[in-house]
Amino acid sequence: MIRVFVATIFLGWLVLPARAASLDAATINGAEYKEKLPAKDKLDAVVVRAQVLLDRAQFSPGEIDGKLGENAQKALKGFAEAKGLTPDKVLTPDLWKLLAATSEDPAIIEYKISESDVKGPFLKKLPAKLDDMKSLKALGYTSAREALAEKFHMSEELLVALNPKKRFDQAGEVIFVTNVLNNKRTKLTVGRIEVDKSRQTVKAFDPSGALVAFFPATVGSEEKPTPTGSFKIVSADANPNYRYNPTYKFKDVKSKRAFTIKPGPNNPVGSYWIGLSAEGYGIHGTSNPSKISKSESHGCVRLTNWDAVLLGSNIKKGTPVVFVDGR
């Protein structure tokens, strides 16, 4: 059950960065543009609302964490460029006006935790190395809290901040979440995908050339660089297995034999795999959305699980994927 927020929650035991404004549903839903931007590591009501609006407009800020970090700034810049703005600041009055006009729905709503949210099974601990994952029956979430955070495209820190002293493992508990579930019904017509290797972004264009979706991404590494040139999509699979090939020679893998890791949101390729005509390369999800743009991949293009699902469920085999360097 989802209900629009009607009362105020105040922060309790959670310790936030110094001088963080009180984060409650009423404050976030009523947040408006302010001249002074918050520090990148500070939870902020305006940033939460902006991130939710960007997410709903298909300009993904990655994980909604309430912080004006790299991915939020990428999304704001992408949105500004798409609207014909060239602001010299991350957020301006004109940009905010256009963003706020995309939706009148509240950014934060109430949600009643369901039996399926807490059913599991949950992993006791997610192994850090691929070698230790191959014996597991599934790569599920480690907790109901992690599952709920991903369901609503949120960081666990923000989920806890909005719900002090709430339990996330109890069906029937009413909590506050970001209002992004309508994105599950989003339909995109994708004619071309562009991966920018230097800016670490993915753009989806319709057949006419109009930008229909924007995502922050982790693109390649020195160990296994992302390819250059034009390719095509050859597969799109939800809940994929991960197959390790010893020819990859990843530094952190000891096994000299091929092995398979079972599906799950914490699988190395997350909840969705989009295979490319460059053998061994693809666009996929991740078990750690907070690291998008901030850590290296094994050569593929890594998105949050929900962004990978949105893109993967709206593309067809043969769709061109072009790798560019936007420097």
C-alpha atoms as a PDB file:
ATOM      1  CA  MET A   1       0.000   0.000   0.000  1.00  0.00           C
ATOM      2  CA  ILE A   2       1.290   3.457  -0.922  1.00  0.00           C
ATOM      3  CA  ARG A   3      -0.065   6.668   0.592  1.00  0.00           C
ATOM      4  CA  VAL A   4       0.991  10.291   0.186  1.00  0.00           C
ATOM      5  CA  PHE A   5       2.718  11.659   3.286  1.00  0.00           C
ATOM      6  CA  VAL A   6       0.483  13.481   5.745  1.00  0.00           C
ATOM      7  CA  ALA A   7       2.615  13.824   8.884  1.00  0.00           C
ATOM      8  CA  THR A   8       6.162  14.854   9.785  1.00  0.00           C
ATOM      9  CA  ILE A   9       9.009  12.585  10.910  1.00  0.00           C
ATOM     10  CA  PHE A  10      12.071  14.006  12.659  1.00  0.00           C
ATOM     11  CA  LEU A  11      15.555  12.574  12.707  1.00  0.00           C
ATOM     12  CA  GLY A  12      16.284  10.495  15.765  1.00  0.00           C
ATOM     13  CA  TRP A  13      19.361   8.419  16.413  1.00  0.00           C
ATOM     14  CA  LEU A  14      20.941   8.574  12.967  1.00  0.00           C
ATOM     15  CA  VAL A  15      24.085  10.711  12.902  1.00  0.00           C
ATOM     16  CA  LEU A  16      24.348  12.723   9.710  1.00  0.00           C
ATOM     17  CA  PRO A  17      27.167  14.922   8.390  1.00  0.00           C
ATOM     18  CA  ALA A  18      27.706  18.172  10.253  1.00  0.00           C
ATOM     19  CA  ARG A  19      24.992  20.815   9.779  1.00  0.00           C
ATOM     20  CA  ALA A  20      22.737  18.474   7.790  1.00  0.00           C
ATOM     21  CA  ALA A  21      19.227  19.883   7.537  1.00  0.00           C
ATOM     22  CA  SER A  22      16.432  17.853   9.093  1.00  0.00           C
ATOM     23  CA  LEU A  23      15.300  15.358   6.475  1.00  0.00           C
ATOM     24  CA  ASP A  24      11.620  14.548   6.686  1.00  0.00           C
ATOM     25  CA  ALA A  25       8.951  13.958   4.073  1.00  0.00           C
ATOM     26  CA  ALA A  26       7.282  17.366   4.444  1.00  0.00           C
ATOM     27  CA  THR A  27      10.593  19.210   4.080  1.00  0.00           C
ATOM     28  CA  ILE A  28      11.586  17.222   0.990  1.00  0.00           C
ATOM     29  CA  ASN A  29       8.182  17.457  -0.692  1.00  0.00           C
ATOM     30  CA  GLY A  30       8.143  21.221  -0.166  1.00  0.00           C
ATOM     31  CA  ALA A  31      11.808  21.806  -1.035  1.00  0.00           C
ATOM     32  CA  GLU A  32      12.534  24.621  -3.477  1.00  0.00           C
ATOM     33  CA  TYR A  33      15.590  26.040  -5.210  1.00  0.00           C
ATOM     34  CA  LYS A  34      18.118  27.835  -3.039  1.00  0.00           C
ATOM     35  CA  GLU A  35      21.073  29.902  -4.147  1.00  0.00           C
ATOM     36  CA  LYS A  36      23.641  28.247  -1.913  1.00  0.00           C
ATOM     37  CA  LEU A  37      24.296  24.654  -2.908  1.00  0.00           C
ATOM     38  CA  PRO A  38      25.038  22.055  -0.211  1.00  0.00           C
ATOM     39  CA  ALA A  39      28.381  20.321   0.265  1.00  0.00           C
ATOM     40  CA  LYS A  40      28.803  17.139  -1.776  1.00  0.00           C
ATOM     41  CA  ASP A  41      28.790  14.933   1.336  1.00  0.00           C
ATOM     42  CA  LYS A  42      25.761  16.529   2.996  1.00  0.00           C
ATOM     43  CA  LEU A  43      22.218  15.115   2.938  1.00  0.00           C
ATOM     44  CA  ASP A  44      19.929  17.834   1.621  1.00  0.00           C
ATOM     45  CA  ALA A  45      16.151  18.037   1.041  1.00  0.00           C
ATOM     46  CA  VAL A  46      16.441  19.963  -2.246  1.00  0.00           C
ATOM     47  CA  VAL A  47      18.879  17.389  -3.592  1.00  0.00           C
ATOM     48  CA  VAL A  48      16.584  14.494  -2.632  1.00  0.00           C
ATOM     49  CA  ARG A  49      13.666  16.093  -4.459  1.00  0.00           C
ATOM     50  CA  ALA A  50      15.843  16.912  -7.470  1.00  0.00           C
ATOM     51  CA  GLN A  51      17.149  13.342  -7.636  1.00  0.00           C
ATOM     52  CA  VAL A  52      13.617  11.909  -7.513  1.00  0.00           C
ATOM     53  CA  LEU A  53      12.468  14.276 -10.263  1.00  0.00           C
ATOM     54  CA  LEU A  54      15.496  13.370 -12.391  1.00  0.00           C
ATOM     55  CA  ASP A  55      14.873   9.656 -11.875  1.00  0.00           C
ATOM     56  CA  ARG A  56      11.238  10.012 -12.954  1.00  0.00           C
ATOM     57  CA  ALA A  57      12.285  12.040 -16.019  1.00  0.00           C
ATOM     58  CA  GLN A  58      14.671   9.216 -17.082  1.00  0.00           C
ATOM     59  CA  PHE A  59      17.768  11.293 -16.280  1.00  0.00           C
ATOM     60  CA  SER A  60      19.070   8.889 -13.679  1.00  0.00           C
ATOM     61  CA  PRO A  61      21.127  10.290 -10.789  1.00  0.00           C
ATOM     62  CA  GLY A  62      22.117   6.715  -9.960  1.00  0.00           C
ATOM     63  CA  GLU A  63      21.465   5.926  -6.324  1.00  0.00           C
ATOM     64  CA  ILE A  64      19.189   8.542  -4.715  1.00  0.00           C
ATOM     65  CA  ASP A  65      21.275   9.484  -1.685  1.00  0.00           C
ATOM     66  CA  GLY A  66      20.368  13.124  -1.039  1.00  0.00           C
ATOM     67  CA  LYS A  67      23.902  14.292  -1.851  1.00  0.00           C
ATOM     68  CA  LEU A  68      25.053  16.557  -4.666  1.00  0.00           C
ATOM     69  CA  GLY A  69      27.772  14.152  -5.729  1.00  0.00           C
ATOM     70  CA  GLU A  70      29.199  13.233  -9.124  1.00  0.00           C
ATOM     71  CA  ASN A  71      26.215  11.250 -10.391  1.00  0.00           C
ATOM     72  CA  ALA A  72      23.629  13.836  -9.336  1.00  0.00           C
ATOM     73  CA  GLN A  73      25.687  16.508 -11.068  1.00  0.00           C
ATOM     74  CA  LYS A  74      25.952  14.377 -14.221  1.00  0.00           C
ATOM     75  CA  ALA A  75      22.190  13.951 -14.335  1.00  0.00           C
ATOM     76  CA  LEU A  76      21.539  17.669 -13.776  1.00  0.00           C
ATOM     77  CA  LYS A  77      23.996  18.572 -16.523  1.00  0.00           C
ATOM     78  CA  GLY A  78      22.457  16.022 -18.882  1.00  0.00           C
ATOM     79  CA  PHE A  79      18.964  17.353 -18.166  1.00  0.00           C
ATOM     80  CA  ALA A  80      20.124  20.955 -18.701  1.00  0.00           C
ATOM     81  CA  GLU A  81      21.750  20.094 -22.047  1.00  0.00           C
ATOM     82  CA  ALA A  82      18.624  18.238 -23.180  1.00  0.00           C
ATOM     83  CA  LYS A  83      16.543  21.339 -22.383  1.00  0.00           C
ATOM     84  CA  GLY A  84      18.893  23.673 -24.253  1.00  0.00           C
ATOM     85  CA  LEU A  85      20.408  25.252 -21.145  1.00  0.00           C
ATOM     86  CA  THR A  86      24.115  25.889 -20.627  1.00  0.00           C
ATOM     87  CA  PRO A  87      24.249  26.921 -16.949  1.00  0.00           C
ATOM     88  CA  ASP A  88      27.567  27.820 -15.362  1.00  0.00           C
ATOM     89  CA  LYS A  89      26.328  26.280 -12.102  1.00  0.00           C
ATOM     90  CA  VAL A  90      25.146  22.773 -11.294  1.00  0.00           C
ATOM     91  CA  LEU A  91      21.687  24.057 -10.405  1.00  0.00           C
ATOM     92  CA  THR A  92      20.104  27.351 -11.454  1.00  0.00           C
ATOM     93  CA  PRO A  93      16.609  28.872 -11.054  1.00  0.00           C
ATOM     94  CA  ASP A  94      15.797  28.176 -14.730  1.00  0.00           C
ATOM     95  CA  LEU A  95      16.954  24.565 -14.478  1.00  0.00           C
ATOM     96  CA  TRP A  96      15.026  24.008 -11.247  1.00  0.00           C
ATOM     97  CA  LYS A  97      11.869  25.476 -12.787  1.00  0.00           C
ATOM     98  CA  LEU A  98      12.051  23.073 -15.736  1.00  0.00           C
ATOM     99  CA  LEU A  99      12.841  20.115 -13.491  1.00  0.00           C
ATOM    100  CA  ALA A 100      10.033  20.871 -11.014  1.00  0.00           C
ATOM    101  CA  ALA A 101       7.602  21.164 -13.932  1.00  0.00           C
ATOM    102  CA  THR A 102       8.207  17.548 -14.969  1.00  0.00           C
ATOM    103  CA  SER A 103       6.021  16.189 -12.153  1.00  0.00           C
ATOM    104  CA  GLU A 104       3.689  17.450  -9.432  1.00  0.00           C
ATOM    105  CA  ASP A 105       3.685  14.136  -7.537  1.00  0.00           C
ATOM    106  CA  PRO A 106       5.291  14.187  -4.068  1.00  0.00           C
ATOM    107  CA  ALA A 107       8.910  13.034  -3.933  1.00  0.00           C
ATOM    108  CA  ILE A 108       8.399  11.123  -0.674  1.00  0.00           C
ATOM    109  CA  ILE A 109       5.441   8.846   0.071  1.00  0.00           C
ATOM    110  CA  GLU A 110       4.418   6.261   2.655  1.00  0.00           C
ATOM    111  CA  TYR A 111       4.857   2.593   1.848  1.00  0.00           C
ATOM    112  CA  LYS A 112       3.599  -0.433   3.762  1.00  0.00           C
ATOM    113  CA  ILE A 113       6.216  -3.202   3.839  1.00  0.00           C
ATOM    114  CA  SER A 114       4.783  -6.377   2.298  1.00  0.00           C
ATOM    115  CA  GLU A 115       5.368 -10.045   3.028  1.00  0.00           C
ATOM    116  CA  SER A 116       7.323 -10.390  -0.214  1.00  0.00           C
ATOM    117  CA  ASP A 117       9.659  -7.552   0.836  1.00  0.00           C
ATOM    118  CA  VAL A 118      10.800  -9.484   3.908  1.00  0.00           C
ATOM    119  CA  LYS A 119      10.493 -13.049   2.604  1.00  0.00           C
ATOM    120  CA  GLY A 120      14.079 -13.499   1.445  1.00  0.00           C
ATOM    121  CA  PRO A 121      16.021 -15.712   1.495  1.00  0.00           C
ATOM    122  CA  PHE A 122      18.801 -13.295   2.371  1.00  0.00           C
ATOM    123  CA  LEU A 123      22.551 -13.841   2.269  1.00  0.00           C
ATOM    124  CA  LYS A 124      24.332 -13.735   5.608  1.00  0.00           C
ATOM    125  CA  LYS A 125      27.202 -12.006   3.868  1.00  0.00           C
ATOM    126  CA  LEU A 126      28.048 -11.158   0.279  1.00  0.00           C
ATOM    127  CA  PRO A 127      31.495 -12.570  -0.577  1.00  0.00           C
ATOM    128  CA  ALA A 128      33.966  -9.998  -1.831  1.00  0.00           C
ATOM    129  CA  LYS A 129      35.638 -12.335  -4.354  1.00  0.00           C
ATOM    130  CA  LEU A 130      34.195 -14.115  -7.392  1.00  0.00           C
ATOM    131  CA  ASP A 131      35.849 -17.397  -6.363  1.00  0.00           C
ATOM    132  CA  ASP A 132      33.767 -17.436  -3.177  1.00  0.00           C
ATOM    133  CA  MET A 133      30.469 -16.786  -4.978  1.00  0.00           C
ATOM    134  CA  LYS A 134      30.434 -19.830  -7.247  1.00  0.00           C
ATOM    135  CA  SER A 135      29.241 -22.235  -4.527  1.00  0.00           C
ATOM    136  CA  LEU A 136      26.220 -20.119  -3.522  1.00  0.00           C
ATOM    137  CA  LYS A 137      22.735 -21.211  -4.649  1.00  0.00           C
ATOM    138  CA  ALA A 138      21.680 -17.624  -5.364  1.00  0.00           C
ATOM    139  CA  LEU A 139      23.097 -14.103  -5.052  1.00  0.00           C
ATOM    140  CA  GLY A 140      20.170 -12.474  -3.245  1.00  0.00           C
ATOM    141  CA  TYR A 141      20.042  -9.418  -1.045  1.00  0.00           C
ATOM    142  CA  THR A 142      21.759  -9.422   2.345  1.00  0.00           C
ATOM    143  CA  SER A 143      18.745  -7.897   4.127  1.00  0.00           C
ATOM    144  CA  ALA A 144      15.219  -6.582   3.665  1.00  0.00           C
ATOM    145  CA  ARG A 145      16.646  -3.094   4.153  1.00  0.00           C
ATOM    146  CA  GLU A 146      18.982  -3.530   1.184  1.00  0.00           C
ATOM    147  CA  ALA A 147      16.096  -4.901  -0.901  1.00  0.00           C
ATOM    148  CA  LEU A 148      13.814  -1.990  -0.017  1.00  0.00           C
ATOM    149  CA  ALA A 149      16.516   0.588  -0.701  1.00  0.00           C
ATOM    150  CA  GLU A 150      17.067  -0.845  -4.176  1.00  0.00           C
ATOM    151  CA  LYS A 151      13.335  -1.150  -4.848  1.00  0.00           C
ATOM    152  CA  PHE A 152      13.021   2.599  -4.380  1.00  0.00           C
ATOM    153  CA  HIS A 153      16.393   3.501  -5.966  1.00  0.00           C
ATOM    154  CA  MET A 154      17.667   4.801  -2.609  1.00  0.00           C
ATOM    155  CA  SER A 155      20.814   4.533  -0.564  1.00  0.00           C
ATOM    156  CA  GLU A 156      20.372   2.642   2.699  1.00  0.00           C
ATOM    157  CA  GLU A 157      21.627   5.739   4.536  1.00  0.00           C
ATOM    158  CA  LEU A 158      18.792   7.858   3.134  1.00  0.00           C
ATOM    159  CA  LEU A 159      16.226   5.127   3.846  1.00  0.00           C
ATOM    160  CA  VAL A 160      17.321   5.012   7.482  1.00  0.00           C
ATOM    161  CA  ALA A 161      17.436   8.814   7.745  1.00  0.00           C
ATOM    162  CA  LEU A 162      13.805   9.048   6.649  1.00  0.00           C
ATOM    163  CA  ASN A 163      12.746   6.262   8.998  1.00  0.00           C
ATOM    164  CA  PRO A 164      14.522   6.575  12.362  1.00  0.00           C
ATOM    165  CA  LYS A 165      13.895   3.626  14.701  1.00  0.00           C
ATOM    166  CA  LYS A 166      11.779   1.853  12.059  1.00  0.00           C
ATOM    167  CA  ARG A 167      12.167  -1.865  11.336  1.00  0.00           C
ATOM    168  CA  PHE A 168      12.637  -2.891   7.724  1.00  0.00           C
ATOM    169  CA  ASP A 169      12.236  -6.643   8.270  1.00  0.00           C
ATOM    170  CA  GLN A 170       8.645  -6.552   9.509  1.00  0.00           C
ATOM    171  CA  ALA A 171       5.671  -6.810   7.133  1.00  0.00           C
ATOM    172  CA  GLY A 172       3.020  -4.195   7.870  1.00  0.00           C
ATOM    173  CA  GLU A 173       5.503  -1.538   9.001  1.00  0.00           C
ATOM    174  CA  VAL A 174       4.814   1.806   7.279  1.00  0.00           C
ATOM    175  CA  ILE A 175       7.901   3.640   6.092  1.00  0.00           C
ATOM    176  CA  PHE A 176       8.780   6.677   3.989  1.00  0.00           C
ATOM    177  CA  VAL A 177      10.329   6.052   0.561  1.00  0.00           C
ATOM    178  CA  THR A 178      11.097   7.872  -2.670  1.00  0.00           C
ATOM    179  CA  ASN A 179       8.235   7.984  -5.151  1.00  0.00           C
ATOM    180  CA  VAL A 180       9.820   6.207  -8.125  1.00  0.00           C
ATOM    181  CA  LEU A 181       7.732   3.058  -8.639  1.00  0.00           C
ATOM    182  CA  ASN A 182       5.971   4.587 -11.641  1.00  0.00           C
ATOM    183  CA  ASN A 183       9.261   4.108 -13.544  1.00  0.00           C
ATOM    184  CA  LYS A 184       8.552   0.377 -13.678  1.00  0.00           C
ATOM    185  CA  ARG A 185       5.825   1.159 -16.201  1.00  0.00           C
ATOM    186  CA  THR A 186       8.083   3.360 -18.343  1.00  0.00           C
ATOM    187  CA  LYS A 187       8.224   2.428 -22.016  1.00  0.00           C
ATOM    188  CA  LEU A 188      11.099   3.691 -24.125  1.00  0.00           C
ATOM    189  CA  THR A 189      11.644   3.415 -27.880  1.00  0.00           C
ATOM    190  CA  VAL A 190      15.397   3.034 -28.251  1.00  0.00           C
ATOM    191  CA  GLY A 191      17.037   3.355 -31.648  1.00  0.00           C
ATOM    192  CA  ARG A 192      20.638   3.889 -30.549  1.00  0.00           C
ATOM    193  CA  ILE A 193      22.744   3.752 -27.391  1.00  0.00           C
ATOM    194  CA  GLU A 194      25.811   5.926 -26.809  1.00  0.00           C
ATOM    195  CA  VAL A 195      28.436   5.086 -24.182  1.00  0.00           C
ATOM    196  CA  ASP A 196      30.761   7.962 -23.310  1.00  0.00           C
ATOM    197  CA  LYS A 197      33.953   6.410 -21.962  1.00  0.00           C
ATOM    198  CA  SER A 198      35.538   9.561 -20.523  1.00  0.00           C
ATOM    199  CA  ARG A 199      32.384  11.070 -19.000  1.00  0.00           C
ATOM    200  CA  GLN A 200      31.172   7.626 -17.869  1.00  0.00           C
ATOM    201  CA  THR A 201      27.612   8.026 -19.056  1.00  0.00           C
ATOM    202  CA  VAL A 202      25.118   6.067 -21.158  1.00  0.00           C
ATOM    203  CA  LYS A 203      22.535   7.786 -23.347  1.00  0.00           C
ATOM    204  CA  ALA A 204      19.574   6.194 -25.111  1.00  0.00           C
ATOM    205  CA  PHE A 205      18.150   7.891 -28.218  1.00  0.00           C
ATOM    206  CA  ASP A 206      14.936   7.149 -30.071  1.00  0.00           C
ATOM    207  CA  PRO A 207      14.978   6.500 -33.855  1.00  0.00           C
ATOM    208  CA  SER A 208      14.545  10.233 -34.554  1.00  0.00           C
ATOM    209  CA  GLY A 209      17.647  11.063 -32.501  1.00  0.00           C
ATOM    210  CA  ALA A 210      15.858  12.459 -29.453  1.00  0.00           C
ATOM    211  CA  LEU A 211      17.407  11.672 -26.078  1.00  0.00           C
ATOM    212  CA  VAL A 212      14.978   9.467 -24.111  1.00  0.00           C
ATOM    213  CA  ALA A 213      17.119   8.273 -21.192  1.00  0.00           C
ATOM    214  CA  PHE A 214      20.392   9.146 -19.446  1.00  0.00           C
ATOM    215  CA  PHE A 215      22.382   7.029 -16.978  1.00  0.00           C
ATOM    216  CA  PRO A 216      25.622   7.445 -14.992  1.00  0.00           C
ATOM    217  CA  ALA A 217      27.905   4.462 -15.539  1.00  0.00           C
ATOM    218  CA  THR A 218      31.161   2.781 -14.656  1.00  0.00           C
ATOM    219  CA  VAL A 219      33.018   2.206 -17.915  1.00  0.00           C
ATOM    220  CA  GLY A 220      36.012  -0.151 -18.167  1.00  0.00           C
ATOM    221  CA  SER A 221      39.364  -0.224 -16.394  1.00  0.00           C
ATOM    222  CA  GLU A 222      43.084  -0.235 -17.121  1.00  0.00           C
ATOM    223  CA  GLU A 223      43.075  -4.005 -16.586  1.00  0.00           C
ATOM    224  CA  LYS A 224      40.325  -4.550 -19.165  1.00  0.00           C
ATOM    225  CA  PRO A 225      39.493  -1.391 -21.132  1.00  0.00           C
ATOM    226  CA  THR A 226      36.096  -0.940 -22.703  1.00  0.00           C
ATOM    227  CA  PRO A 227      36.165  -1.424 -26.500  1.00  0.00           C
ATOM    228  CA  THR A 228      36.078   1.419 -29.000  1.00  0.00           C
ATOM    229  CA  GLY A 229      33.771   1.686 -31.982  1.00  0.00           C
ATOM    230  CA  SER A 230      30.283   0.589 -32.941  1.00  0.00           C
ATOM    231  CA  PHE A 231      28.621  -2.667 -31.921  1.00  0.00           C
ATOM    232  CA  LYS A 232      25.161  -4.176 -31.715  1.00  0.00           C
ATOM    233  CA  ILE A 233      23.045  -5.684 -28.971  1.00  0.00           C
ATOM    234  CA  VAL A 234      22.940  -9.465 -29.290  1.00  0.00           C
ATOM    235  CA  SER A 235      21.065 -10.396 -26.090  1.00  0.00           C
ATOM    236  CA  ALA A 236      19.038  -8.948 -23.223  1.00  0.00           C
ATOM    237  CA  ASP A 237      18.484 -11.164 -20.185  1.00  0.00           C
ATOM    238  CA  ALA A 238      16.890 -10.553 -16.801  1.00  0.00           C
ATOM    239  CA  ASN A 239      18.367 -12.360 -13.751  1.00  0.00           C
ATOM    240  CA  PRO A 240      21.408 -13.650 -15.637  1.00  0.00           C
ATOM    241  CA  ASN A 241      24.030 -16.150 -14.578  1.00  0.00           C
ATOM    242  CA  TYR A 242      27.583 -14.810 -14.508  1.00  0.00           C
ATOM    243  CA  ARG A 243      30.063 -16.974 -16.392  1.00  0.00           C
ATOM    244  CA  TYR A 244      33.728 -16.441 -15.641  1.00  0.00           C
ATOM    245  CA  ASN A 245      36.159 -17.277 -18.432  1.00  0.00           C
ATOM    246  CA  PRO A 246      39.766 -17.856 -17.298  1.00  0.00           C
ATOM    247  CA  THR A 247      40.980 -16.047 -20.414  1.00  0.00           C
ATOM    248  CA  TYR A 248      39.792 -12.845 -18.687  1.00  0.00           C
ATOM    249  CA  LYS A 249      42.684 -13.266 -16.228  1.00  0.00           C
ATOM    250  CA  PHE A 250      41.204 -10.950 -13.611  1.00  0.00           C
ATOM    251  CA  LYS A 251      43.779 -10.151 -10.917  1.00  0.00           C
ATOM    252  CA  ASP A 252      41.409 -10.927  -8.058  1.00  0.00           C
ATOM    253  CA  VAL A 253      40.356 -14.378  -9.361  1.00  0.00           C
ATOM    254  CA  LYS A 254      42.485 -17.403  -8.468  1.00  0.00           C
ATOM    255  CA  SER A 255      40.561 -20.070 -10.385  1.00  0.00           C
ATOM    256  CA  LYS A 256      42.158 -21.311 -13.606  1.00  0.00           C
ATOM    257  CA  ARG A 257      38.903 -22.928 -14.721  1.00  0.00           C
ATOM    258  CA  ALA A 258      35.662 -21.485 -16.000  1.00  0.00           C
ATOM    259  CA  PHE A 259      32.832 -21.278 -13.468  1.00  0.00           C
ATOM    260  CA  THR A 260      29.275 -19.974 -13.205  1.00  0.00           C
ATOM    261  CA  ILE A 261      27.759 -17.781 -10.498  1.00  0.00           C
ATOM    262  CA  LYS A 262      24.023 -18.099  -9.931  1.00  0.00           C
ATOM    263  CA  PRO A 263      21.549 -15.232 -10.572  1.00  0.00           C
ATOM    264  CA  GLY A 264      20.461 -12.558  -8.102  1.00  0.00           C
ATOM    265  CA  PRO A 265      20.683  -8.792  -7.592  1.00  0.00           C
ATOM    266  CA  ASN A 266      24.099  -9.251  -5.948  1.00  0.00           C
ATOM    267  CA  ASN A 267      25.403 -11.320  -8.860  1.00  0.00           C
ATOM    268  CA  PRO A 268      28.529  -9.670 -10.398  1.00  0.00           C
ATOM    269  CA  VAL A 269      26.419  -8.487 -13.353  1.00  0.00           C
ATOM    270  CA  GLY A 270      23.400  -7.617 -11.229  1.00  0.00           C
ATOM    271  CA  SER A 271      19.806  -8.034 -12.290  1.00  0.00           C
ATOM    272  CA  TYR A 272      20.188  -7.563 -16.052  1.00  0.00           C
ATOM    273  CA  TRP A 273      22.685  -8.367 -18.795  1.00  0.00           C
ATOM    274  CA  ILE A 274      22.710  -6.669 -22.209  1.00  0.00           C
ATOM    275  CA  GLY A 275      25.167  -8.557 -24.405  1.00  0.00           C
ATOM    276  CA  LEU A 276      27.160  -6.776 -27.115  1.00  0.00           C
ATOM    277  CA  SER A 277      28.621  -8.073 -30.374  1.00  0.00           C
ATOM    278  CA  ALA A 278      32.072  -7.483 -28.848  1.00  0.00           C
ATOM    279  CA  GLU A 279      32.578 -10.910 -27.275  1.00  0.00           C
ATOM    280  CA  GLY A 280      32.638 -10.873 -23.469  1.00  0.00           C
ATOM    281  CA  TYR A 281      31.404  -7.300 -23.200  1.00  0.00           C
ATOM    282  CA  GLY A 282      28.013  -6.004 -22.149  1.00  0.00           C
ATOM    283  CA  ILE A 283      25.966  -3.435 -20.260  1.00  0.00           C
ATOM    284  CA  HIS A 284      24.780  -4.746 -16.902  1.00  0.00           C
ATOM    285  CA  GLY A 285      23.696  -4.059 -13.335  1.00  0.00           C
ATOM    286  CA  THR A 286      25.730  -4.098 -10.141  1.00  0.00           C
ATOM    287  CA  SER A 287      25.629  -5.287  -6.547  1.00  0.00           C
ATOM    288  CA  ASN A 288      26.937  -1.922  -5.341  1.00  0.00           C
ATOM    289  CA  PRO A 289      25.004   1.055  -6.789  1.00  0.00           C
ATOM    290  CA  SER A 290      26.899   3.552  -4.628  1.00  0.00           C
ATOM    291  CA  LYS A 291      30.068   2.801  -6.614  1.00  0.00           C
ATOM    292  CA  ILE A 292      28.707   3.744 -10.036  1.00  0.00           C
ATOM    293  CA  SER A 293      31.180   6.197 -11.645  1.00  0.00           C
ATOM    294  CA  LYS A 294      33.503   5.738  -8.666  1.00  0.00           C
ATOM    295  CA  SER A 295      35.141   2.334  -9.194  1.00  0.00           C
ATOM    296  CA  GLU A 296      36.516   0.395 -12.142  1.00  0.00           C
ATOM    297  CA  SER A 297      34.646  -2.377 -13.928  1.00  0.00           C
ATOM    298  CA  HIS A 298      36.027  -5.507 -15.566  1.00  0.00           C
ATOM    299  CA  GLY A 299      35.717  -3.856 -18.959  1.00  0.00           C
ATOM    300  CA  CYS A 300      31.946  -3.819 -19.290  1.00  0.00           C
ATOM    301  CA  VAL A 301      29.537  -0.934 -18.800  1.00  0.00           C
ATOM    302  CA  ARG A 302      28.012  -1.007 -15.326  1.00  0.00           C
ATOM    303  CA  LEU A 303      24.722   0.670 -14.326  1.00  0.00           C
ATOM    304  CA  THR A 304      22.582   0.478 -11.210  1.00  0.00           C
ATOM    305  CA  ASN A 305      20.333  -2.585 -11.291  1.00  0.00           C
ATOM    306  CA  TRP A 306      17.203  -0.506 -11.845  1.00  0.00           C
ATOM    307  CA  ASP A 307      18.787   1.468 -14.691  1.00  0.00           C
ATOM    308  CA  ALA A 308      19.993  -1.743 -16.333  1.00  0.00           C
ATOM    309  CA  VAL A 309      16.473  -3.194 -16.046  1.00  0.00           C
ATOM    310  CA  LEU A 310      14.903  -0.046 -17.526  1.00  0.00           C
ATOM    311  CA  LEU A 311      17.302  -0.001 -20.464  1.00  0.00           C
ATOM    312  CA  GLY A 312      17.386  -3.764 -21.000  1.00  0.00           C
ATOM    313  CA  SER A 313      13.636  -4.200 -20.993  1.00  0.00           C
ATOM    314  CA  ASN A 314      13.217  -1.511 -23.657  1.00  0.00           C
ATOM    315  CA  ILE A 315      15.780  -2.507 -26.286  1.00  0.00           C
ATOM    316  CA  LYS A 316      15.838  -4.987 -29.152  1.00  0.00           C
ATOM    317  CA  LYS A 317      18.516  -7.209 -30.655  1.00  0.00           C
ATOM    318  CA  GLY A 318      20.437  -5.356 -33.311  1.00  0.00           C
ATOM    319  CA  THR A 319      20.195  -1.965 -31.611  1.00  0.00           C
ATOM    320  CA  PRO A 320      23.491  -0.128 -32.292  1.00  0.00           C
ATOM    321  CA  VAL A 321      25.749   0.750 -29.352  1.00  0.00           C
ATOM    322  CA  VAL A 322      28.415   3.368 -30.049  1.00  0.00           C
ATOM    323  CA  PHE A 323      31.389   3.992 -27.742  1.00  0.00           C
ATOM    324  CA  VAL A 324      32.670   7.578 -27.832  1.00  0.00           C
ATOM    325  CA  ASP A 325      35.204   9.665 -25.943  1.00  0.00           C
ATOM    326  CA  GLY A 326      33.580  12.940 -24.996  1.00  0.00           C
ATOM    327  CA  ARG A 327      36.684  14.661 -23.719  1.00  0.00           C
END
